[in-house]
Amino acid sequence: MAKSRKGSRPKPTPNDEEPIIHEATLGPNGSVIKGDVISEREAARIRRRGGNIVVCGPDTVANSDLAKRIEASVHSTIRSCRPHSQAGPEALPHCHEWPRTTRGGHSFWETDKLKARDR
């Protein structure tokens, strides 16, 4: 928490360890390109429409857990996948509804070695 003036509430400061959710688009070589920062609720809405999101941060397990939680909030059954080699060398791990429908889309997450690209 940041320091505050006497009598006022302390302002929360961002925790660098917390995962951050972004809208996402797919790029060349299997890359995932980060878009705007979004809330968990907005991420669920994007996934419901068949769009892509990516969870970024230094903690692979926290990123994975959040991506899976978002996906599970939208779909009754999900499948987690390692990066697909046929997608390209920059592909990220992800999850999606299972079995697949025509909606498509993925909940991606960063690892300690595999990162999403900035726009």
Protein backbone atom coordinates (compact mmCIF):
# COMPACT_ATOMS: atom_id res chain seq x y z
CA MET A 1 0.00 0.00 0.00
CA ALA A 2 1.14 3.50 -0.77
CA LYS A 3 1.50 6.03 2.01
CA SER A 4 -1.47 8.27 2.53
CA ARG A 5 -2.15 11.60 4.14
CA LYS A 6 -3.29 11.56 7.74
CA GLY A 7 -6.95 10.65 8.00
CA SER A 8 -7.30 9.35 4.42
CA ARG A 9 -7.40 5.77 3.24
CA PRO A 10 -4.20 4.28 1.80
CA LYS A 11 -4.31 3.82 -1.96
CA PRO A 12 -3.64 0.30 -3.26
CA THR A 13 -0.56 -0.08 -5.41
CA PRO A 14 -0.27 -2.64 -8.21
CA ASN A 15 1.46 -5.84 -7.19
CA ASP A 16 4.08 -6.79 -9.76
CA GLU A 17 3.48 -10.46 -8.91
CA GLU A 18 -0.23 -10.41 -9.80
CA PRO A 19 -1.19 -11.74 -13.24
CA ILE A 20 -2.54 -9.21 -15.71
CA ILE A 21 -5.20 -10.13 -18.27
CA HIS A 22 -5.07 -8.70 -21.80
CA GLU A 23 -7.24 -8.97 -24.85
CA ALA A 24 -5.22 -10.94 -27.41
CA THR A 25 -4.82 -11.42 -31.11
CA LEU A 26 -2.82 -14.04 -32.96
CA GLY A 27 0.31 -13.02 -34.82
CA PRO A 28 2.95 -14.66 -37.00
CA ASN A 29 4.88 -17.76 -35.89
CA GLY A 30 2.21 -18.68 -33.35
CA SER A 31 2.73 -15.48 -31.40
CA VAL A 32 0.08 -13.99 -29.16
CA ILE A 33 -0.13 -10.20 -29.23
CA LYS A 34 -1.25 -8.37 -26.09
CA GLY A 35 -4.03 -5.82 -26.42
CA ASP A 36 -5.72 -3.71 -23.76
CA VAL A 37 -5.62 -4.68 -20.10
CA ILE A 38 -9.01 -6.10 -19.09
CA SER A 39 -10.76 -7.39 -15.98
CA GLU A 40 -11.57 -11.03 -15.32
CA ARG A 41 -15.21 -10.27 -16.05
CA GLU A 42 -14.33 -8.67 -19.40
CA ALA A 43 -12.11 -11.65 -20.21
CA ALA A 44 -15.02 -14.04 -19.63
CA ARG A 45 -17.20 -11.93 -21.92
CA ILE A 46 -14.52 -12.04 -24.67
CA ARG A 47 -14.16 -15.81 -24.30
CA ARG A 48 -17.94 -16.27 -24.43
CA ARG A 49 -17.89 -14.53 -27.84
CA GLY A 50 -15.03 -16.76 -29.07
CA GLY A 51 -12.24 -14.18 -28.71
CA ASN A 52 -8.73 -14.63 -27.31
CA ILE A 53 -7.21 -13.48 -24.03
CA VAL A 54 -3.73 -13.83 -22.54
CA VAL A 55 -2.71 -13.83 -18.88
CA CYS A 56 0.72 -12.28 -18.31
CA GLY A 57 3.00 -12.11 -15.31
CA PRO A 58 6.11 -13.60 -13.73
CA ASP A 59 4.36 -16.56 -12.06
CA THR A 60 3.56 -19.33 -14.57
CA VAL A 61 1.33 -21.22 -12.13
CA ALA A 62 -0.70 -18.10 -11.23
CA ASN A 63 -1.04 -17.25 -14.94
CA SER A 64 -2.19 -20.77 -15.77
CA ASP A 65 -4.62 -20.92 -12.84
CA LEU A 66 -6.25 -17.61 -13.80
CA ALA A 67 -6.56 -18.51 -17.49
CA LYS A 68 -8.17 -21.84 -16.55
CA ARG A 69 -10.52 -20.16 -14.06
CA ILE A 70 -11.68 -17.71 -16.73
CA GLU A 71 -12.20 -20.51 -19.25
CA ALA A 72 -14.07 -22.67 -16.73
CA SER A 73 -16.36 -19.75 -15.87
CA VAL A 74 -17.53 -19.72 -19.49
CA HIS A 75 -17.44 -23.38 -20.57
CA SER A 76 -18.53 -26.45 -18.62
CA THR A 77 -15.64 -28.57 -19.91
CA ILE A 78 -12.20 -27.24 -20.83
CA ARG A 79 -8.98 -28.67 -22.19
CA SER A 80 -5.48 -27.39 -21.41
CA CYS A 81 -2.81 -27.69 -24.09
CA ARG A 82 0.91 -27.18 -24.32
CA PRO A 83 2.05 -24.90 -27.13
CA HIS A 84 1.31 -26.58 -30.46
CA SER A 85 4.46 -26.95 -32.56
CA GLN A 86 2.43 -26.63 -35.76
CA ALA A 87 1.26 -23.17 -34.57
CA GLY A 88 4.84 -21.90 -34.61
CA PRO A 89 7.86 -21.35 -32.36
CA GLU A 90 6.23 -18.50 -30.39
CA ALA A 91 3.04 -20.41 -29.46
CA LEU A 92 1.88 -20.23 -25.83
CA PRO A 93 0.18 -22.80 -23.62
CA HIS A 94 -3.57 -22.34 -23.55
CA CYS A 95 -6.96 -23.76 -22.75
CA HIS A 96 -10.25 -23.77 -24.61
CA GLU A 97 -13.67 -25.35 -24.45
CA TRP A 98 -13.86 -29.08 -25.06
CA PRO A 99 -15.16 -30.43 -27.29
CA ARG A 100 -14.47 -27.53 -29.63
CA THR A 101 -17.33 -25.60 -31.20
CA THR A 102 -17.35 -23.12 -34.04
CA ARG A 103 -16.87 -20.24 -31.54
CA GLY A 104 -13.16 -20.91 -31.16
CA GLY A 105 -10.79 -18.69 -29.22
CA HIS A 106 -8.30 -19.44 -26.47
CA SER A 107 -7.23 -18.43 -22.98
CA PHE A 108 -3.43 -18.21 -23.30
CA TRP A 109 -0.87 -17.72 -20.54
CA GLU A 110 2.77 -16.73 -20.35
CA THR A 111 5.45 -18.96 -18.86
CA ASP A 112 8.91 -18.11 -17.59
CA LYS A 113 10.25 -18.63 -21.14
CA LEU A 114 7.30 -18.07 -23.48
CA LYS A 115 5.94 -14.52 -23.57
CA ALA A 116 3.22 -12.66 -25.40
CA ARG A 117 4.30 -9.86 -27.73
CA ASP A 118 3.51 -6.20 -27.17
CA ARG A 119 1.55 -4.49 -29.93
